[in-house]
PDB file of N, CA and C in Angstrom:
ATOM      1  N   MET A   1       0.860  -1.154   0.000  1.00  0.00           N
ATOM      2  CA  MET A   1       0.000   0.000   0.000  1.00  0.00           C
ATOM      3  C   MET A   1       0.900   1.208   0.000  1.00  0.00           C
ATOM      4  N   ILE A   2       0.754   2.005  -0.984  1.00  0.00           N
ATOM      5  CA  ILE A   2       1.453   3.271  -1.017  1.00  0.00           C
ATOM      6  C   ILE A   2       0.519   4.233  -0.337  1.00  0.00           C
ATOM      7  N   SER A   3       0.990   4.891   0.680  1.00  0.00           N
ATOM      8  CA  SER A   3       0.090   5.789   1.330  1.00  0.00           C
ATOM      9  C   SER A   3       0.382   7.221   0.964  1.00  0.00           C
ATOM     10  N   VAL A   4      -0.662   7.855   0.566  1.00  0.00           N
ATOM     11  CA  VAL A   4      -0.637   9.288   0.410  1.00  0.00           C
ATOM     12  C   VAL A   4      -1.648   9.731   1.452  1.00  0.00           C
ATOM     13  N   ARG A   5      -1.144  10.009   2.629  1.00  0.00           N
ATOM     14  CA  ARG A   5      -1.987  10.331   3.782  1.00  0.00           C
ATOM     15  C   ARG A   5      -3.019   9.234   4.026  1.00  0.00           C
ATOM     16  N   GLY A   6      -2.571   7.964   4.004  1.00  0.00           N
ATOM     17  CA  GLY A   6      -3.418   6.834   4.343  1.00  0.00           C
ATOM     18  C   GLY A   6      -4.162   6.183   3.191  1.00  0.00           C
ATOM     19  N   ALA A   7      -4.116   6.766   1.985  1.00  0.00           N
ATOM     20  CA  ALA A   7      -4.830   6.179   0.844  1.00  0.00           C
ATOM     21  C   ALA A   7      -4.043   5.003   0.274  1.00  0.00           C
ATOM     22  N   MET A   8      -4.765   4.000  -0.233  1.00  0.00           N
ATOM     23  CA  MET A   8      -4.109   2.839  -0.825  1.00  0.00           C
ATOM     24  C   MET A   8      -4.081   2.989  -2.334  1.00  0.00           C
ATOM     25  N   ALA A   9      -2.973   2.551  -2.939  1.00  0.00           N
ATOM     26  CA  ALA A   9      -2.841   2.632  -4.392  1.00  0.00           C
ATOM     27  C   ALA A   9      -2.637   1.227  -4.945  1.00  0.00           C
ATOM     28  N   PRO A  10      -3.025   0.985  -6.192  1.00  0.00           N
ATOM     29  CA  PRO A  10      -2.866  -0.346  -6.774  1.00  0.00           C
ATOM     30  C   PRO A  10      -1.402  -0.698  -7.024  1.00  0.00           C
ATOM     31  N   VAL A  11      -1.132  -1.992  -7.046  1.00  0.00           N
ATOM     32  CA  VAL A  11       0.193  -2.534  -7.308  1.00  0.00           C
ATOM     33  C   VAL A  11       0.111  -3.332  -8.602  1.00  0.00           C
ATOM     34  N   ARG A  12       1.162  -3.244  -9.411  1.00  0.00           N
ATOM     35  CA  ARG A  12       1.179  -3.996 -10.673  1.00  0.00           C
ATOM     36  C   ARG A  12       2.480  -4.777 -10.768  1.00  0.00           C
ATOM     37  N   PHE A  13       2.337  -6.090 -10.982  1.00  0.00           N
ATOM     38  CA  PHE A  13       3.472  -6.981 -11.201  1.00  0.00           C
ATOM     39  C   PHE A  13       3.467  -7.379 -12.674  1.00  0.00           C
ATOM     40  N   VAL A  14       4.605  -7.300 -13.330  1.00  0.00           N
ATOM     41  CA  VAL A  14       4.756  -7.826 -14.678  1.00  0.00           C
ATOM     42  C   VAL A  14       5.844  -8.886 -14.580  1.00  0.00           C
ATOM     43  N   VAL A  15       5.473 -10.126 -14.866  1.00  0.00           N
ATOM     44  CA  VAL A  15       6.355 -11.273 -14.694  1.00  0.00           C
ATOM     45  C   VAL A  15       6.658 -11.879 -16.054  1.00  0.00           C
ATOM     46  N   LEU A  16       7.931 -12.087 -16.340  1.00  0.00           N
ATOM     47  CA  LEU A  16       8.360 -12.813 -17.528  1.00  0.00           C
ATOM     48  C   LEU A  16       8.877 -14.158 -17.046  1.00  0.00           C
ATOM     49  N   ALA A  17       8.276 -15.239 -17.548  1.00  0.00           N
ATOM     50  CA  ALA A  17       8.603 -16.572 -17.043  1.00  0.00           C
ATOM     51  C   ALA A  17       8.581 -17.595 -18.174  1.00  0.00           C
ATOM     52  N   GLN A  18       9.134 -18.761 -17.890  1.00  0.00           N
ATOM     53  CA  GLN A  18       9.077 -19.870 -18.824  1.00  0.00           C
ATOM     54  C   GLN A  18       7.614 -20.285 -18.983  1.00  0.00           C
ATOM     55  N   ALA A  19       7.210 -20.579 -20.211  1.00  0.00           N
ATOM     56  CA  ALA A  19       5.825 -20.983 -20.490  1.00  0.00           C
ATOM     57  C   ALA A  19       5.674 -22.472 -20.209  1.00  0.00           C
ATOM     58  N   GLU A  20       5.420 -22.783 -18.967  1.00  0.00           N
ATOM     59  CA  GLU A  20       5.189 -24.162 -18.515  1.00  0.00           C
ATOM     60  C   GLU A  20       3.763 -24.250 -17.983  1.00  0.00           C
ATOM     61  N   PRO A  21       3.160 -25.450 -17.962  1.00  0.00           N
ATOM     62  CA  PRO A  21       1.771 -25.572 -17.511  1.00  0.00           C
ATOM     63  C   PRO A  21       1.508 -25.027 -16.104  1.00  0.00           C
ATOM     64  N   GLN A  22       2.468 -25.110 -15.202  1.00  0.00           N
ATOM     65  CA  GLN A  22       2.246 -24.677 -13.824  1.00  0.00           C
ATOM     66  C   GLN A  22       2.636 -23.226 -13.561  1.00  0.00           C
ATOM     67  N   THR A  23       3.186 -22.534 -14.548  1.00  0.00           N
ATOM     68  CA  THR A  23       3.713 -21.186 -14.314  1.00  0.00           C
ATOM     69  C   THR A  23       2.652 -20.209 -13.812  1.00  0.00           C
ATOM     70  N   LEU A  24       1.546 -20.086 -14.523  1.00  0.00           N
ATOM     71  CA  LEU A  24       0.515 -19.119 -14.142  1.00  0.00           C
ATOM     72  C   LEU A  24      -0.014 -19.392 -12.735  1.00  0.00           C
ATOM     73  N   ALA A  25      -0.318 -20.646 -12.443  1.00  0.00           N
ATOM     74  CA  ALA A  25      -0.846 -21.000 -11.116  1.00  0.00           C
ATOM     75  C   ALA A  25       0.156 -20.674 -10.017  1.00  0.00           C
ATOM     76  N   ARG A  26       1.425 -20.947 -10.252  1.00  0.00           N
ATOM     77  CA  ARG A  26       2.451 -20.657  -9.237  1.00  0.00           C
ATOM     78  C   ARG A  26       2.568 -19.166  -8.965  1.00  0.00           C
ATOM     79  N   VAL A  27       2.557 -18.370 -10.021  1.00  0.00           N
ATOM     80  CA  VAL A  27       2.715 -16.920  -9.846  1.00  0.00           C
ATOM     81  C   VAL A  27       1.494 -16.324  -9.142  1.00  0.00           C
ATOM     82  N   VAL A  28       0.287 -16.692  -9.571  1.00  0.00           N
ATOM     83  CA  VAL A  28      -0.922 -16.164  -8.946  1.00  0.00           C
ATOM     84  C   VAL A  28      -1.046 -16.648  -7.502  1.00  0.00           C
ATOM     85  N   ASN A  29      -0.492 -17.798  -7.194  1.00  0.00           N
ATOM     86  CA  ASN A  29      -0.560 -18.337  -5.836  1.00  0.00           C
ATOM     87  C   ASN A  29       0.098 -17.421  -4.802  1.00  0.00           C
ATOM     88  N   TYR A  30       1.076 -16.622  -5.204  1.00  0.00           N
ATOM     89  CA  TYR A  30       1.697 -15.697  -4.248  1.00  0.00           C
ATOM     90  C   TYR A  30       0.681 -14.675  -3.740  1.00  0.00           C
ATOM     91  N   VAL A  31      -0.269 -14.286  -4.574  1.00  0.00           N
ATOM     92  CA  VAL A  31      -1.338 -13.385  -4.151  1.00  0.00           C
ATOM     93  C   VAL A  31      -2.294 -14.144  -3.234  1.00  0.00           C
ATOM     94  N   ALA A  32      -2.652 -15.356  -3.623  1.00  0.00           N
ATOM     95  CA  ALA A  32      -3.588 -16.166  -2.837  1.00  0.00           C
ATOM     96  C   ALA A  32      -3.045 -16.462  -1.439  1.00  0.00           C
ATOM     97  N   GLN A  33      -1.742 -16.615  -1.302  1.00  0.00           N
ATOM     98  CA  GLN A  33      -1.141 -16.894   0.008  1.00  0.00           C
ATOM     99  C   GLN A  33      -1.378 -15.766   0.996  1.00  0.00           C
ATOM    100  N   LEU A  34      -1.646 -14.570   0.484  1.00  0.00           N
ATOM    101  CA  LEU A  34      -1.969 -13.442   1.362  1.00  0.00           C
ATOM    102  C   LEU A  34      -3.475 -13.317   1.601  1.00  0.00           C
ATOM    103  N   GLY A  35      -4.241 -14.289   1.100  1.00  0.00           N
ATOM    104  CA  GLY A  35      -5.687 -14.268   1.287  1.00  0.00           C
ATOM    105  C   GLY A  35      -6.377 -13.227   0.427  1.00  0.00           C
ATOM    106  N   LYS A  36      -5.783 -12.904  -0.710  1.00  0.00           N
ATOM    107  CA  LYS A  36      -6.335 -11.882  -1.592  1.00  0.00           C
ATOM    108  C   LYS A  36      -6.673 -12.472  -2.952  1.00  0.00           C
ATOM    109  N   THR A  37      -7.588 -11.819  -3.645  1.00  0.00           N
ATOM    110  CA  THR A  37      -7.947 -12.172  -5.014  1.00  0.00           C
ATOM    111  C   THR A  37      -7.454 -11.044  -5.909  1.00  0.00           C
ATOM    112  N   PRO A  38      -6.684 -11.363  -6.949  1.00  0.00           N
ATOM    113  CA  PRO A  38      -6.180 -10.293  -7.825  1.00  0.00           C
ATOM    114  C   PRO A  38      -7.308  -9.503  -8.468  1.00  0.00           C
ATOM    115  N   ARG A  39      -7.089  -8.210  -8.619  1.00  0.00           N
ATOM    116  CA  ARG A  39      -8.069  -7.361  -9.302  1.00  0.00           C
ATOM    117  C   ARG A  39      -8.090  -7.698 -10.783  1.00  0.00           C
ATOM    118  N   ARG A  40      -6.908  -7.978 -11.351  1.00  0.00           N
ATOM    119  CA  ARG A  40      -6.820  -8.308 -12.774  1.00  0.00           C
ATOM    120  C   ARG A  40      -5.599  -9.197 -12.989  1.00  0.00           C
ATOM    121  N   VAL A  41      -5.761 -10.206 -13.855  1.00  0.00           N
ATOM    122  CA  VAL A  41      -4.650 -11.073 -14.261  1.00  0.00           C
ATOM    123  C   VAL A  41      -4.718 -11.220 -15.776  1.00  0.00           C
ATOM    124  N   ARG A  42      -3.562 -11.088 -16.410  1.00  0.00           N
ATOM    125  CA  ARG A  42      -3.477 -11.305 -17.855  1.00  0.00           C
ATOM    126  C   ARG A  42      -2.220 -12.108 -18.127  1.00  0.00           C
ATOM    127  N   ALA A  43      -2.334 -13.124 -18.981  1.00  0.00           N
ATOM    128  CA  ALA A  43      -1.180 -13.946 -19.334  1.00  0.00           C
ATOM    129  C   ALA A  43      -1.136 -14.133 -20.841  1.00  0.00           C
ATOM    130  N   ASP A  44       0.057 -13.958 -21.403  1.00  0.00           N
ATOM    131  CA  ASP A  44       0.274 -14.148 -22.834  1.00  0.00           C
ATOM    132  C   ASP A  44       1.517 -14.997 -23.028  1.00  0.00           C
ATOM    133  N   GLU A  45       1.421 -16.003 -23.904  1.00  0.00           N
ATOM    134  CA  GLU A  45       2.567 -16.866 -24.221  1.00  0.00           C
ATOM    135  C   GLU A  45       3.147 -16.425 -25.552  1.00  0.00           C
ATOM    136  N   HIS A  46       4.473 -16.377 -25.607  1.00  0.00           N
ATOM    137  CA  HIS A  46       5.146 -15.976 -26.843  1.00  0.00           C
ATOM    138  C   HIS A  46       6.543 -16.580 -26.868  1.00  0.00           C
ATOM    139  N   GLY A  47       6.764 -17.451 -27.827  1.00  0.00           N
ATOM    140  CA  GLY A  47       8.090 -18.026 -28.026  1.00  0.00           C
ATOM    141  C   GLY A  47       8.672 -18.762 -26.837  1.00  0.00           C
ATOM    142  N   GLY A  48       7.872 -19.532 -26.138  1.00  0.00           N
ATOM    143  CA  GLY A  48       8.374 -20.296 -24.996  1.00  0.00           C
ATOM    144  C   GLY A  48       8.431 -19.507 -23.703  1.00  0.00           C
ATOM    145  N   LEU A  49       8.040 -18.239 -23.742  1.00  0.00           N
ATOM    146  CA  LEU A  49       7.988 -17.408 -22.540  1.00  0.00           C
ATOM    147  C   LEU A  49       6.559 -16.950 -22.308  1.00  0.00           C
ATOM    148  N   MET A  50       6.255 -16.611 -21.079  1.00  0.00           N
ATOM    149  CA  MET A  50       4.933 -16.141 -20.711  1.00  0.00           C
ATOM    150  C   MET A  50       5.082 -14.805 -19.990  1.00  0.00           C
ATOM    151  N   THR A  51       4.275 -13.844 -20.397  1.00  0.00           N
ATOM    152  CA  THR A  51       4.204 -12.573 -19.679  1.00  0.00           C
ATOM    153  C   THR A  51       2.918 -12.585 -18.878  1.00  0.00           C
ATOM    154  N   ILE A  52       3.054 -12.372 -17.573  1.00  0.00           N
ATOM    155  CA  ILE A  52       1.906 -12.373 -16.666  1.00  0.00           C
ATOM    156  C   ILE A  52       1.834 -11.000 -16.019  1.00  0.00           C
ATOM    157  N   VAL A  53       0.674 -10.367 -16.122  1.00  0.00           N
ATOM    158  CA  VAL A  53       0.456  -9.071 -15.495  1.00  0.00           C
ATOM    159  C   VAL A  53      -0.597  -9.264 -14.417  1.00  0.00           C
ATOM    160  N   ILE A  54      -0.260  -8.875 -13.191  1.00  0.00           N
ATOM    161  CA  ILE A  54      -1.191  -8.980 -12.067  1.00  0.00           C
ATOM    162  C   ILE A  54      -1.363  -7.584 -11.479  1.00  0.00           C
ATOM    163  N   GLU A  55      -2.610  -7.153 -11.360  1.00  0.00           N
ATOM    164  CA  GLU A  55      -2.919  -5.903 -10.679  1.00  0.00           C
ATOM    165  C   GLU A  55      -3.612  -6.248  -9.375  1.00  0.00           C
ATOM    166  N   GLN A  56      -3.162  -5.607  -8.299  1.00  0.00           N
ATOM    167  CA  GLN A  56      -3.645  -5.958  -6.966  1.00  0.00           C
ATOM    168  C   GLN A  56      -3.826  -4.709  -6.125  1.00  0.00           C
ATOM    169  N   ASP A  57      -4.908  -4.656  -5.391  1.00  0.00           N
ATOM    170  CA  ASP A  57      -5.144  -3.595  -4.414  1.00  0.00           C
ATOM    171  C   ASP A  57      -4.876  -4.149  -3.021  1.00  0.00           C
ATOM    172  N   GLY A  58      -4.684  -3.259  -2.071  1.00  0.00           N
ATOM    173  CA  GLY A  58      -4.633  -3.670  -0.670  1.00  0.00           C
ATOM    174  C   GLY A  58      -3.323  -4.255  -0.187  1.00  0.00           C
ATOM    175  N   LEU A  59      -2.222  -4.036  -0.902  1.00  0.00           N
ATOM    176  CA  LEU A  59      -0.916  -4.500  -0.429  1.00  0.00           C
ATOM    177  C   LEU A  59      -0.086  -3.306   0.032  1.00  0.00           C
ATOM    178  N   SER A  60       0.653  -3.491   1.101  1.00  0.00           N
ATOM    179  CA  SER A  60       1.607  -2.459   1.493  1.00  0.00           C
ATOM    180  C   SER A  60       2.777  -2.514   0.523  1.00  0.00           C
ATOM    181  N   ASP A  61       3.553  -1.453   0.444  1.00  0.00           N
ATOM    182  CA  ASP A  61       4.713  -1.485  -0.448  1.00  0.00           C
ATOM    183  C   ASP A  61       5.677  -2.581  -0.021  1.00  0.00           C
ATOM    184  N   HIS A  62       5.786  -2.820   1.278  1.00  0.00           N
ATOM    185  CA  HIS A  62       6.653  -3.902   1.759  1.00  0.00           C
ATOM    186  C   HIS A  62       6.141  -5.267   1.298  1.00  0.00           C
ATOM    187  N   GLN A  63       4.834  -5.508   1.436  1.00  0.00           N
ATOM    188  CA  GLN A  63       4.260  -6.776   0.987  1.00  0.00           C
ATOM    189  C   GLN A  63       4.492  -6.969  -0.508  1.00  0.00           C
ATOM    190  N   ALA A  64       4.316  -5.919  -1.284  1.00  0.00           N
ATOM    191  CA  ALA A  64       4.503  -6.012  -2.737  1.00  0.00           C
ATOM    192  C   ALA A  64       5.951  -6.330  -3.079  1.00  0.00           C
ATOM    193  N   LYS A  65       6.900  -5.686  -2.408  1.00  0.00           N
ATOM    194  CA  LYS A  65       8.321  -5.944  -2.666  1.00  0.00           C
ATOM    195  C   LYS A  65       8.701  -7.376  -2.290  1.00  0.00           C
ATOM    196  N   VAL A  66       8.198  -7.848  -1.152  1.00  0.00           N
ATOM    197  CA  VAL A  66       8.470  -9.228  -0.729  1.00  0.00           C
ATOM    198  C   VAL A  66       7.868 -10.209  -1.724  1.00  0.00           C
ATOM    199  N   MET A  67       6.639  -9.934  -2.173  1.00  0.00           N
ATOM    200  CA  MET A  67       5.997 -10.814  -3.145  1.00  0.00           C
ATOM    201  C   MET A  67       6.791 -10.849  -4.450  1.00  0.00           C
ATOM    202  N   ALA A  68       7.272  -9.697  -4.902  1.00  0.00           N
ATOM    203  CA  ALA A  68       8.086  -9.653  -6.127  1.00  0.00           C
ATOM    204  C   ALA A  68       9.359 -10.483  -5.959  1.00  0.00           C
ATOM    205  N   GLU A  69       9.979 -10.417  -4.805  1.00  0.00           N
ATOM    206  CA  GLU A  69      11.184 -11.212  -4.547  1.00  0.00           C
ATOM    207  C   GLU A  69      10.865 -12.704  -4.545  1.00  0.00           C
ATOM    208  N   LYS A  70       9.731 -13.083  -3.962  1.00  0.00           N
ATOM    209  CA  LYS A  70       9.331 -14.492  -3.951  1.00  0.00           C
ATOM    210  C   LYS A  70       9.059 -14.987  -5.364  1.00  0.00           C
ATOM    211  N   MET A  71       8.384 -14.162  -6.171  1.00  0.00           N
ATOM    212  CA  MET A  71       8.133 -14.535  -7.561  1.00  0.00           C
ATOM    213  C   MET A  71       9.455 -14.727  -8.291  1.00  0.00           C
ATOM    214  N   ARG A  72      10.374 -13.796  -8.106  1.00  0.00           N
ATOM    215  CA  ARG A  72      11.668 -13.849  -8.757  1.00  0.00           C
ATOM    216  C   ARG A  72      12.443 -15.103  -8.377  1.00  0.00           C
ATOM    217  N   ALA A  73      12.258 -15.564  -7.158  1.00  0.00           N
ATOM    218  CA  ALA A  73      12.977 -16.744  -6.684  1.00  0.00           C
ATOM    219  C   ALA A  73      12.484 -18.043  -7.331  1.00  0.00           C
ATOM    220  N   SER A  74      11.314 -18.002  -7.961  1.00  0.00           N
ATOM    221  CA  SER A  74      10.799 -19.191  -8.632  1.00  0.00           C
ATOM    222  C   SER A  74      11.713 -19.560  -9.799  1.00  0.00           C
ATOM    223  N   VAL A  75      12.014 -20.827  -9.935  1.00  0.00           N
ATOM    224  CA  VAL A  75      12.916 -21.303 -10.988  1.00  0.00           C
ATOM    225  C   VAL A  75      12.376 -20.997 -12.385  1.00  0.00           C
ATOM    226  N   LEU A  76      11.078 -20.838 -12.521  1.00  0.00           N
ATOM    227  CA  LEU A  76      10.464 -20.573 -13.825  1.00  0.00           C
ATOM    228  C   LEU A  76      10.503 -19.096 -14.221  1.00  0.00           C
ATOM    229  N   VAL A  77      10.749 -18.215 -13.268  1.00  0.00           N
ATOM    230  CA  VAL A  77      10.637 -16.781 -13.497  1.00  0.00           C
ATOM    231  C   VAL A  77      11.977 -16.184 -13.917  1.00  0.00           C
ATOM    232  N   GLU A  78      11.942 -15.409 -15.001  1.00  0.00           N
ATOM    233  CA  GLU A  78      13.129 -14.720 -15.508  1.00  0.00           C
ATOM    234  C   GLU A  78      13.241 -13.303 -14.959  1.00  0.00           C
ATOM    235  N   ARG A  79      12.100 -12.595 -14.880  1.00  0.00           N
ATOM    236  CA  ARG A  79      12.134 -11.185 -14.475  1.00  0.00           C
ATOM    237  C   ARG A  79      10.800 -10.798 -13.862  1.00  0.00           C
ATOM    238  N   VAL A  80      10.852  -9.930 -12.853  1.00  0.00           N
ATOM    239  CA  VAL A  80       9.652  -9.354 -12.250  1.00  0.00           C
ATOM    240  C   VAL A  80       9.838  -7.842 -12.212  1.00  0.00           C
ATOM    241  N   THR A  81       8.847  -7.129 -12.729  1.00  0.00           N
ATOM    242  CA  THR A  81       8.847  -5.669 -12.647  1.00  0.00           C
ATOM    243  C   THR A  81       7.659  -5.275 -11.785  1.00  0.00           C
ATOM    244  N   LEU A  82       7.913  -4.406 -10.827  1.00  0.00           N
ATOM    245  CA  LEU A  82       6.890  -4.007  -9.862  1.00  0.00           C
ATOM    246  C   LEU A  82       6.667  -2.501  -9.965  1.00  0.00           C
ATOM    247  N   THR A  83       5.404  -2.120 -10.118  1.00  0.00           N
ATOM    248  CA  THR A  83       5.032  -0.710 -10.097  1.00  0.00           C
ATOM    249  C   THR A  83       4.063  -0.508  -8.948  1.00  0.00           C
ATOM    250  N   LEU A  84       4.363   0.447  -8.095  1.00  0.00           N
ATOM    251  CA  LEU A  84       3.537   0.714  -6.924  1.00  0.00           C
ATOM    252  C   LEU A  84       2.734   1.994  -7.139  1.00  0.00           C
ATOM    253  N   GLY A  85       1.482   1.838  -7.536  1.00  0.00           N
ATOM    254  CA  GLY A  85       0.569   2.970  -7.679  1.00  0.00           C
ATOM    255  C   GLY A  85       1.139   4.101  -8.505  1.00  0.00           C
ATOM    256  N   ARG A  86       0.793   5.296  -8.164  1.00  0.00           N
ATOM    257  CA  ARG A  86       1.293   6.467  -8.869  1.00  0.00           C
ATOM    258  C   ARG A  86       2.611   6.930  -8.293  1.00  0.00           C
ATOM    259  N   LYS A  87       2.863   6.578  -7.053  1.00  0.00           N
ATOM    260  CA  LYS A  87       4.133   6.932  -6.428  1.00  0.00           C
ATOM    261  C   LYS A  87       5.118   5.831  -6.792  1.00  0.00           C
ATOM    262  N   LEU A  88       6.081   6.155  -7.593  1.00  0.00           N
ATOM    263  CA  LEU A  88       6.960   5.155  -8.163  1.00  0.00           C
ATOM    264  C   LEU A  88       8.253   5.054  -7.377  1.00  0.00           C
ATOM    265  N   ILE A  89       8.796   3.852  -7.328  1.00  0.00           N
ATOM    266  CA  ILE A  89       9.994   3.602  -6.549  1.00  0.00           C
ATOM    267  C   ILE A  89      11.206   4.293  -7.157  1.00  0.00           C
ATOM    268  N   ASP A  90      11.428   4.088  -8.432  1.00  0.00           N
ATOM    269  CA  ASP A  90      12.580   4.658  -9.115  1.00  0.00           C
ATOM    270  C   ASP A  90      12.108   5.874  -9.891  1.00  0.00           C
ATOM    271  N   PRO A  91      12.573   7.071  -9.523  1.00  0.00           N
ATOM    272  CA  PRO A  91      12.076   8.255 -10.198  1.00  0.00           C
ATOM    273  C   PRO A  91      12.422   8.299 -11.678  1.00  0.00           C
ATOM    274  N   THR A  92      13.444   7.564 -12.113  1.00  0.00           N
ATOM    275  CA  THR A  92      13.820   7.549 -13.522  1.00  0.00           C
ATOM    276  C   THR A  92      12.893   6.654 -14.325  1.00  0.00           C
ATOM    277  N   SER A  93      12.751   5.385 -13.903  1.00  0.00           N
ATOM    278  CA  SER A  93      11.948   4.437 -14.677  1.00  0.00           C
ATOM    279  C   SER A  93      10.543   4.268 -14.120  1.00  0.00           C
ATOM    280  N   GLY A  94      10.353   4.601 -12.847  1.00  0.00           N
ATOM    281  CA  GLY A  94       9.053   4.408 -12.225  1.00  0.00           C
ATOM    282  C   GLY A  94       8.799   2.983 -11.809  1.00  0.00           C
ATOM    283  N   GLN A  95       9.845   2.126 -11.889  1.00  0.00           N
ATOM    284  CA  GLN A  95       9.654   0.714 -11.580  1.00  0.00           C
ATOM    285  C   GLN A  95      10.835   0.178 -10.797  1.00  0.00           C
ATOM    286  N   LEU A  96      10.549  -0.867 -10.035  1.00  0.00           N
ATOM    287  CA  LEU A  96      11.588  -1.636  -9.382  1.00  0.00           C
ATOM    288  C   LEU A  96      11.711  -2.912 -10.182  1.00  0.00           C
ATOM    289  N   SER A  97      12.848  -3.139 -10.798  1.00  0.00           N
ATOM    290  CA  SER A  97      13.037  -4.320 -11.620  1.00  0.00           C
ATOM    291  C   SER A  97      13.913  -5.298 -10.870  1.00  0.00           C
ATOM    292  N   VAL A  98      13.429  -6.502 -10.696  1.00  0.00           N
ATOM    293  CA  VAL A  98      14.144  -7.538  -9.972  1.00  0.00           C
ATOM    294  C   VAL A  98      14.383  -8.673 -10.943  1.00  0.00           C
ATOM    295  N   GLU A  99      15.629  -8.984 -11.225  1.00  0.00           N
ATOM    296  CA  GLU A  99      15.929  -9.973 -12.245  1.00  0.00           C
ATOM    297  C   GLU A  99      16.922 -11.001 -11.755  1.00  0.00           C
ATOM    298  N   LYS A 100      16.911 -12.137 -12.425  1.00  0.00           N
ATOM    299  CA  LYS A 100      17.898 -13.173 -12.197  1.00  0.00           C
ATOM    300  C   LYS A 100      19.025 -12.982 -13.176  1.00  0.00           C
ATOM    301  N   GLY A 101      20.258 -12.955 -12.699  1.00  0.00           N
ATOM    302  CA  GLY A 101      21.414 -12.992 -13.567  1.00  0.00           C
ATOM    303  C   GLY A 101      21.655 -11.764 -14.404  1.00  0.00           C
ATOM    304  N   GLY A 102      20.898 -10.718 -14.236  1.00  0.00           N
ATOM    305  CA  GLY A 102      21.112  -9.512 -15.015  1.00  0.00           C
ATOM    306  C   GLY A 102      21.083  -8.312 -14.099  1.00  0.00           C
ATOM    307  N   SER A 103      21.366  -7.149 -14.644  1.00  0.00           N
ATOM    308  CA  SER A 103      21.300  -5.945 -13.838  1.00  0.00           C
ATOM    309  C   SER A 103      19.927  -5.325 -14.008  1.00  0.00           C
ATOM    310  N   ALA A 104      19.560  -4.444 -13.094  1.00  0.00           N
ATOM    311  CA  ALA A 104      18.240  -3.827 -13.145  1.00  0.00           C
ATOM    312  C   ALA A 104      18.049  -3.127 -14.479  1.00  0.00           C
ATOM    313  N   GLY A 105      16.874  -3.339 -15.071  1.00  0.00           N
ATOM    314  CA  GLY A 105      16.535  -2.676 -16.311  1.00  0.00           C
ATOM    315  C   GLY A 105      16.909  -3.442 -17.560  1.00  0.00           C
ATOM    316  N   THR A 106      17.646  -4.539 -17.435  1.00  0.00           N
ATOM    317  CA  THR A 106      17.989  -5.343 -18.608  1.00  0.00           C
ATOM    318  C   THR A 106      17.572  -6.780 -18.362  1.00  0.00           C
ATOM    319  N   PRO A 107      17.131  -7.476 -19.388  1.00  0.00           N
ATOM    320  CA  PRO A 107      16.720  -8.861 -19.200  1.00  0.00           C
ATOM    321  C   PRO A 107      17.896  -9.742 -18.821  1.00  0.00           C
ATOM    322  N   ALA A 108      17.613 -10.770 -18.069  1.00  0.00           N
ATOM    323  CA  ALA A 108      18.640 -11.754 -17.738  1.00  0.00           C
ATOM    324  C   ALA A 108      19.094 -12.398 -19.037  1.00  0.00           C
ATOM    325  N   SER A 109      20.399 -12.501 -19.237  1.00  0.00           N
ATOM    326  CA  SER A 109      20.883 -12.973 -20.535  1.00  0.00           C
ATOM    327  C   SER A 109      21.404 -14.397 -20.482  1.00  0.00           C
ATOM    328  N   HIS A 110      21.387 -15.019 -19.332  1.00  0.00           N
ATOM    329  CA  HIS A 110      21.925 -16.364 -19.272  1.00  0.00           C
ATOM    330  C   HIS A 110      20.964 -17.363 -19.899  1.00  0.00           C
ATOM    331  N   PRO A 111      21.509 -18.335 -20.639  1.00  0.00           N
ATOM    332  CA  PRO A 111      20.636 -19.353 -21.231  1.00  0.00           C
ATOM    333  C   PRO A 111      20.158 -20.326 -20.160  1.00  0.00           C
ATOM    334  N   ARG A 112      18.982 -20.817 -20.350  1.00  0.00           N
ATOM    335  CA  ARG A 112      18.443 -21.824 -19.438  1.00  0.00           C
ATOM    336  C   ARG A 112      18.704 -23.198 -20.028  1.00  0.00           C
ATOM    337  N   GLY A 113      19.409 -24.010 -19.304  1.00  0.00           N
ATOM    338  CA  GLY A 113      19.671 -25.367 -19.749  1.00  0.00           C
ATOM    339  C   GLY A 113      18.638 -26.317 -19.179  1.00  0.00           C
ATOM    340  N   PRO A 114      18.812 -27.617 -19.423  1.00  0.00           N
ATOM    341  CA  PRO A 114      17.873 -28.595 -18.868  1.00  0.00           C
ATOM    342  C   PRO A 114      17.933 -28.596 -17.351  1.00  0.00           C
ATOM    343  N   ARG A 115      16.815 -28.903 -16.743  1.00  0.00           N
ATOM    344  CA  ARG A 115      16.746 -28.938 -15.274  1.00  0.00           C
ATOM    345  C   ARG A 115      16.784 -30.347 -14.790  1.00  0.00           C
TER     346      ARG A 115
END
């Protein structure tokens, strides 16, 4: 929850992950673990990758950051971008980008081998 004198703002997660049958359920489950139902979920598959966008109300900025880190820790997830309401974390990009194997703002470039 981003507070502007106590007001709550929506949170948006954009997840880039491997397009596997369990990917969407695993990512959305992080919201469910907090006892919440996402306001909006969208998933698109493209070239073996899946982009998942989750919009959620009622999370503190700390909860959102922790959730983004948990999503990022999933073996299927390549990148998580988090936007917190209108008040943005990074004044330059407006987003907190959490990635595996890459620096903030650039996609992870390491190839994924067999597991």
